[in-house]
Protein backbone atom coordinates (compact mmCIF):
# COMPACT_ATOMS: atom_id res chain seq x y z
CA MET A 1 -38.54 -68.42 44.36
CA LYS A 2 -37.78 -64.16 43.83
CA GLN A 3 -36.05 -63.17 40.97
CA PRO A 4 -32.43 -60.92 42.11
CA HIS A 5 -33.56 -57.17 41.99
CA PHE A 6 -32.74 -54.11 43.46
CA VAL A 7 -33.66 -51.95 45.23
CA VAL A 8 -34.16 -48.05 44.80
CA VAL A 9 -34.51 -46.27 48.08
CA ILE A 10 -36.18 -42.53 48.16
CA ALA A 11 -36.29 -40.60 51.39
CA HIS A 12 -38.62 -37.49 51.56
CA SER A 13 -36.65 -34.40 53.06
CA VAL A 14 -38.82 -33.07 55.42
CA HIS A 15 -41.18 -35.76 56.29
CA GLY A 16 -38.83 -38.42 56.45
CA ARG A 17 -40.13 -41.20 55.02
CA LEU A 18 -38.99 -43.44 52.64
CA ARG A 19 -39.80 -45.45 50.04
CA ARG A 20 -38.64 -48.58 48.04
CA VAL A 21 -39.14 -49.05 45.26
CA HIS A 22 -37.84 -52.56 43.42
CA LEU A 23 -36.26 -52.33 39.88
CA SER A 24 -34.55 -55.73 38.19
CA HIS A 25 -32.61 -56.51 37.07
CA THR A 26 -34.48 -56.85 33.26
CA VAL A 27 -35.52 -52.86 33.59
CA LEU A 28 -32.62 -52.09 35.08
CA TYR A 29 -30.65 -52.80 31.55
CA THR A 30 -32.86 -51.91 29.93
CA VAL A 31 -32.97 -48.12 31.18
CA LEU A 32 -29.20 -48.19 30.46
CA ALA A 33 -29.21 -49.12 26.97
CA LEU A 34 -31.28 -46.59 26.45
CA ALA A 35 -29.51 -44.13 27.42
CA ALA A 36 -25.96 -45.20 26.32
CA VAL A 37 -28.11 -45.06 22.50
CA GLY A 38 -29.16 -41.49 23.75
CA CYS A 39 -26.11 -40.53 24.47
CA PHE A 40 -24.55 -42.15 21.76
CA THR A 41 -27.45 -40.22 19.14
CA VAL A 42 -26.81 -36.39 20.85
CA VAL A 43 -23.64 -37.33 20.21
CA GLY A 44 -23.41 -38.25 16.61
CA PHE A 45 -25.77 -35.37 16.06
CA VAL A 46 -23.26 -33.04 17.77
CA THR A 47 -20.69 -33.98 15.92
CA SER A 48 -22.21 -34.26 12.30
CA TYR A 49 -23.52 -30.71 13.07
CA ALA A 50 -20.39 -28.72 13.94
CA ARG A 51 -18.45 -30.92 10.69
CA MET A 52 -21.43 -28.73 8.78
CA VAL A 53 -20.55 -26.01 9.76
CA TRP A 54 -17.17 -26.30 9.44
CA LYS A 55 -18.23 -27.54 5.78
CA VAL A 56 -20.11 -24.35 5.35
CA THR A 57 -16.85 -21.96 7.08
CA ASN A 58 -14.54 -23.16 4.90
CA TYR A 59 -16.28 -22.82 1.63
CA ASN A 60 -17.93 -19.05 2.12
CA SER A 61 -13.87 -18.50 3.08
CA LEU A 62 -12.36 -20.37 -0.15
CA ARG A 63 -15.64 -18.40 -1.67
CA ASP A 64 -13.89 -15.19 -0.54
CA GLU A 65 -10.62 -15.78 -1.60
CA VAL A 66 -11.85 -16.66 -4.99
CA SER A 67 -13.98 -13.15 -5.02
CA SER A 68 -10.34 -11.41 -3.29
CA LEU A 69 -8.36 -12.82 -6.12
CA GLN A 70 -11.00 -11.89 -9.29
CA ARG A 71 -10.94 -8.44 -8.07
CA ARG A 72 -6.80 -7.27 -8.12
CA TYR A 73 -6.68 -9.81 -11.80
CA GLN A 74 -9.11 -7.49 -12.66
CA ASP A 75 -7.37 -4.40 -11.45
CA LEU A 76 -4.03 -5.81 -12.77
CA GLN A 77 -5.71 -5.82 -15.69
CA ARG A 78 -6.49 -2.55 -15.70
CA SER A 79 -3.55 -1.01 -14.37
CA THR A 80 -1.53 -3.32 -17.31
CA GLU A 81 -3.94 -1.77 -20.09
CA GLN A 82 -3.04 2.26 -18.42
CA THR A 83 0.46 1.54 -18.10
CA LYS A 84 0.78 0.41 -21.87
CA GLU A 85 -1.23 3.57 -22.73
CA GLN A 86 0.35 6.18 -20.91
CA LEU A 87 3.56 3.94 -22.80
CA ALA A 88 2.25 4.78 -25.84
CA THR A 89 1.49 8.59 -25.19
CA LEU A 90 4.69 9.67 -23.60
CA GLN A 91 6.37 7.26 -26.81
CA ILE A 92 4.62 9.23 -29.30
CA LEU A 93 4.82 12.55 -27.27
CA ALA A 94 8.20 12.55 -27.26
CA SER A 95 8.36 11.89 -31.36
CA GLU A 96 6.31 14.97 -31.99
CA VAL A 97 8.79 16.82 -29.97
CA SER A 98 11.39 15.60 -30.96
CA MET A 99 11.01 16.41 -34.57
CA ALA A 100 9.91 19.54 -33.84
CA TYR A 101 12.33 21.06 -31.75
CA GLY A 102 15.05 19.10 -34.04
CA ILE A 103 15.98 17.00 -31.41
CA LYS A 104 15.25 13.90 -33.05
CA GLU A 105 19.18 12.65 -34.13
CA ARG A 106 20.69 13.66 -30.71
CA MET A 107 18.20 11.15 -28.92
CA ASP A 108 18.02 8.02 -31.27
CA GLY A 109 20.96 9.02 -34.48
CA PRO A 110 19.24 9.31 -37.88
CA ARG A 111 16.19 6.83 -37.20
CA SER A 112 12.63 7.99 -36.31
CA LEU A 113 11.56 7.25 -32.92
CA VAL A 114 8.33 5.52 -33.74
CA GLY A 115 9.90 4.32 -37.33
CA GLU A 116 10.63 0.85 -37.74
CA GLY A 117 10.98 0.26 -33.47
CA LYS A 118 8.35 -1.04 -30.71
CA LEU A 119 5.62 1.28 -30.09
CA MET A 120 5.83 0.82 -26.33
CA PRO A 121 9.35 1.89 -24.66
CA THR A 122 11.10 0.61 -21.76
CA PHE A 123 10.00 1.74 -18.79
CA GLN A 124 14.14 3.33 -18.72
CA GLU A 125 13.74 4.52 -22.36
CA SER A 126 11.16 6.39 -20.82
CA ILE A 127 13.40 8.08 -18.53
CA GLU A 128 15.89 8.85 -20.91
CA GLN A 129 13.23 10.40 -23.19
CA TYR A 130 12.03 12.41 -20.29
CA ASP A 131 15.84 13.61 -19.26
CA LEU A 132 16.39 14.47 -22.60
CA LEU A 133 13.76 17.19 -22.98
CA ARG A 134 14.16 18.40 -19.46
CA SER A 135 17.79 19.11 -20.33
CA THR A 136 17.75 20.42 -24.08
CA ARG A 137 17.90 23.76 -24.60
CA LEU A 138 15.14 25.91 -26.62
CA PHE A 139 16.06 28.73 -28.70
CA ASN A 140 12.80 29.51 -30.33
CA PRO A 141 11.71 32.96 -28.66
CA GLY A 142 8.26 31.90 -29.25
CA THR A 143 8.80 28.43 -26.43
CA ARG A 144 11.51 30.13 -24.27
CA ARG A 145 8.37 30.99 -22.16
CA ILE A 146 7.20 27.61 -21.92
CA ASN A 147 10.49 25.96 -21.01
CA GLN A 148 11.47 28.07 -18.43
CA MET A 149 7.75 27.26 -17.16
CA TRP A 150 9.22 23.06 -17.28
CA GLN A 151 12.55 23.94 -15.89
CA GLN A 152 10.57 25.28 -13.09
CA ASN A 153 8.42 22.76 -11.96
CA VAL A 154 10.58 19.62 -12.04
CA VAL A 155 12.66 21.00 -9.27
CA PRO A 156 10.81 20.19 -5.94
CA SER A 157 9.45 23.32 -4.81
CA ILE A 158 5.63 22.10 -3.30
CA TRP A 159 5.01 20.49 0.66
CA PRO A 160 3.71 17.01 -0.38
CA THR A 161 1.24 17.57 2.60
CA ASN A 162 0.82 19.99 5.22
CA GLY A 163 1.90 19.17 8.97
CA ARG A 164 4.61 19.37 11.65
CA LEU A 165 7.57 18.18 10.87
CA LEU A 166 7.99 15.19 13.19
CA SER A 167 12.07 14.41 12.35
CA SER A 168 14.91 15.96 10.86
CA PHE A 169 17.31 15.15 8.55
CA GLY A 170 20.64 13.94 9.15
CA SER A 171 21.58 12.20 12.31
CA ARG A 172 19.35 11.29 15.49
CA SER A 173 18.04 9.02 17.97
CA ASP A 174 16.70 5.56 16.16
CA PRO A 175 12.59 4.95 17.61
CA PHE A 176 13.37 1.36 17.52
CA THR A 177 17.10 0.81 18.69
CA GLY A 178 17.54 3.91 21.00
CA GLY A 179 20.82 3.86 19.44
CA SER A 180 21.95 6.70 16.91
CA ALA A 181 20.77 6.32 13.20
CA PHE A 182 21.05 8.82 9.86
CA HIS A 183 17.60 10.34 8.65
CA ALA A 184 17.42 9.93 4.87
CA GLY A 185 15.11 12.54 4.64
CA VAL A 186 11.92 14.46 6.71
CA ASP A 187 9.06 13.02 8.41
CA ILE A 188 5.63 15.09 8.06
CA SER A 189 2.95 14.14 10.76
CA CYS A 190 -0.69 13.25 9.14
CA PRO A 191 -3.11 11.22 9.91
CA THR A 192 -3.65 7.88 7.40
CA GLY A 193 -5.54 8.86 4.38
CA THR A 194 -4.09 12.25 4.28
CA PRO A 195 -3.67 13.48 0.32
CA ILE A 196 0.10 13.13 -0.66
CA LYS A 197 0.81 15.36 -3.44
CA VAL A 198 3.89 15.21 -5.49
CA ALA A 199 6.74 17.88 -5.17
CA ALA A 200 7.80 18.55 -9.19
CA ASP A 201 6.71 17.35 -12.32
CA GLY A 202 7.96 14.11 -12.94
CA ILE A 203 7.47 10.34 -13.79
CA VAL A 204 6.51 7.17 -11.39
CA ARG A 205 9.83 4.73 -11.15
CA SER A 206 8.01 2.38 -9.10
CA ALA A 207 4.86 2.27 -6.13
CA GLN A 208 5.68 -0.84 -4.43
CA TRP A 209 6.75 -1.87 -1.09
CA GLY A 210 10.13 -0.91 0.09
CA GLY A 211 11.06 -2.68 3.26
CA ALA A 212 11.35 -0.77 6.23
CA TYR A 213 10.23 2.47 3.56
CA GLY A 214 6.75 0.13 3.77
CA LYS A 215 4.59 1.15 0.25
CA LEU A 216 6.57 3.80 -0.93
CA ILE A 217 6.42 5.86 -3.79
CA VAL A 218 9.85 7.02 -6.38
CA ILE A 219 9.26 9.51 -8.64
CA SER A 220 12.07 11.02 -11.56
CA HIS A 221 12.55 14.75 -11.81
CA GLY A 222 14.88 14.05 -14.74
CA GLY A 223 18.94 14.25 -14.88
CA GLY A 224 19.13 11.84 -11.45
CA LEU A 225 17.00 14.46 -9.37
CA GLU A 226 14.13 11.96 -7.55
CA THR A 227 11.58 12.28 -4.43
CA TYR A 228 10.87 9.56 -2.19
CA TYR A 229 7.57 9.10 -0.64
CA ALA A 230 7.03 6.59 2.12
CA HIS A 231 4.74 4.42 4.92
CA LEU A 232 1.92 5.61 2.45
CA SER A 233 -1.51 3.60 3.09
CA GLY A 234 -2.14 3.34 -0.79
CA PHE A 235 -0.73 4.81 -4.20
CA GLU A 236 -2.69 6.53 -6.46
CA VAL A 237 -0.49 5.94 -9.29
CA ILE A 238 1.33 3.65 -11.14
CA PRO A 239 5.24 3.17 -12.21
CA GLY A 240 5.74 4.89 -15.85
CA GLN A 241 2.56 7.34 -15.02
CA GLU A 242 3.64 10.70 -15.57
CA VAL A 243 2.70 13.69 -13.39
CA ARG A 244 2.41 17.29 -12.29
CA ARG A 245 3.36 19.11 -9.76
CA GLY A 246 0.52 19.00 -6.92
CA GLN A 247 -1.13 16.38 -8.02
CA VAL A 248 -2.38 13.46 -5.43
CA ILE A 249 -0.32 10.37 -6.06
CA ALA A 250 -0.79 8.22 -2.45
CA ARG A 251 -2.56 7.91 0.60
CA SER A 252 -0.66 8.80 3.58
CA GLY A 253 -0.22 5.76 6.20
CA SER A 254 2.15 3.69 8.52
CA THR A 255 3.03 1.32 6.86
CA GLY A 256 7.22 -0.27 7.41
CA ARG A 257 9.55 0.55 9.99
CA SER A 258 6.73 3.01 11.47
CA THR A 259 5.24 4.17 15.01
CA SER A 260 2.46 5.90 13.99
CA PRO A 261 0.41 7.79 10.65
CA HIS A 262 3.38 10.00 8.56
CA LEU A 263 4.92 10.91 5.95
CA HIS A 264 8.36 10.08 5.11
CA TYR A 265 10.38 12.65 2.86
CA GLU A 266 13.29 12.42 0.57
CA VAL A 267 15.43 14.36 -2.27
CA ARG A 268 18.06 12.76 -4.02
CA GLN A 269 20.27 13.53 -5.76
CA GLY A 270 21.78 10.59 -8.11
CA GLY A 271 20.78 8.24 -5.88
CA ALA A 272 22.62 10.54 -2.61
CA PRO A 273 19.77 12.35 0.12
CA VAL A 274 20.13 15.33 0.25
CA ASN A 275 18.81 17.84 2.60
CA PRO A 276 15.04 18.33 1.66
CA TYR A 277 14.92 21.64 3.53
CA LYS A 278 16.37 24.39 0.58
CA TYR A 279 13.11 22.57 -1.46
CA LEU A 280 10.82 23.11 1.23
CA ALA A 281 11.07 26.22 1.76
CA LYS A 282 10.61 26.94 -1.66
CA SER A 283 6.67 26.46 -0.24
CA LEU A 284 4.64 29.42 0.87
CA VAL A 285 3.10 26.75 3.04
CA LEU A 286 6.55 26.50 5.23
CA LYS A 287 6.40 30.70 5.52
CA THR A 288 3.65 29.78 8.03
CA SER A 289 4.42 26.45 9.68
CA VAL A 290 8.14 27.64 10.48
CA GLN A 291 6.75 30.03 13.19
CA LYS A 292 5.06 26.89 14.26
CA ASP A 293 6.41 23.91 13.96
CA LEU A 294 9.41 23.55 13.16
CA PRO A 295 11.84 22.51 15.67
CA PHE A 296 14.84 24.37 15.11
C-alpha cells in the first residue's frame, strides 16, 4: 500500500513540459522544520547584533559625555582660580592706591584694607572700590594728568564692533510680534564670531545667559554707568575681571531672542537705559559710518 504523499507539478514555460515530483509527508515536514529553525536562527542573530550595536553606541555616547563633563569641570576650576587671583590683585591694588593718596579712611575708616579683614573681597566690594577710586579727585600735580586719563577712559567712547546700525534706540516695531516695542539699545550688524570690544575701562559685572538677551556681558564703569553686550556666541572674560577700553571681551552671535547674527549694545545710567548715540559719536569710526550706514 502506498503511503500518502504530496505531488509537486513543475511546468516548463517554453516547452510546456510537465514534471511531477512526489514528496512524502516526512520529507516535507523535515524541510519545513529546517526552514523554521533557520528563520529563528537568523532572527536571533539579527537581534543580538542590533543589541550589541545599541550598547556600543550608548557606551560611546556616555564616554563622550563624561569627557565633556571633565573638560567643563577643568574649565570651571581654571575660571575659579583666575577669579580668585584677579580679586586678590584688585584688593591689593586698591589698598596700595588708597594708602598712597590718603583715601584709606574714606573707604573703610581707620582700619587697613588688608589688615585683619579677608584678602578676597566680594564682587560688590570690588565695584565700590572701583567707584571710589574713579570719583576721588587727586590734587597731586604729578598725578593730575593720570587722573584725567582715568576719568576719560571710563566713559564709553568707542564702537564695540564695526558694522551697520540695524535698529535704533527707542520705539520700534517688534521683529517677532510686529507690534510697537521699546528698544533699550542699538543693534550693530556683524557676522558670528566677530570680536566684541569693551567701550571703556571697567569691571565685568556679569558674563552669563541673560534670557532674551542670550549670552550677555555687563560691564560696570563706575558711578552707576554700565554697558551691555548681548546675543553673544562666546565669552572672553569672567565676572570680576578688570578690562580696558578696546579689549576683546566676547564674540558676536545670535543667541537669545534674535533673528540674525548681530550685537545688541546698551548704555545704562543708574540702571536706566540711555541713548547710546552720544557715546558712539565719540568714536572716529562713527565719522566714516554716518555717511554710509546710519538710518537717520
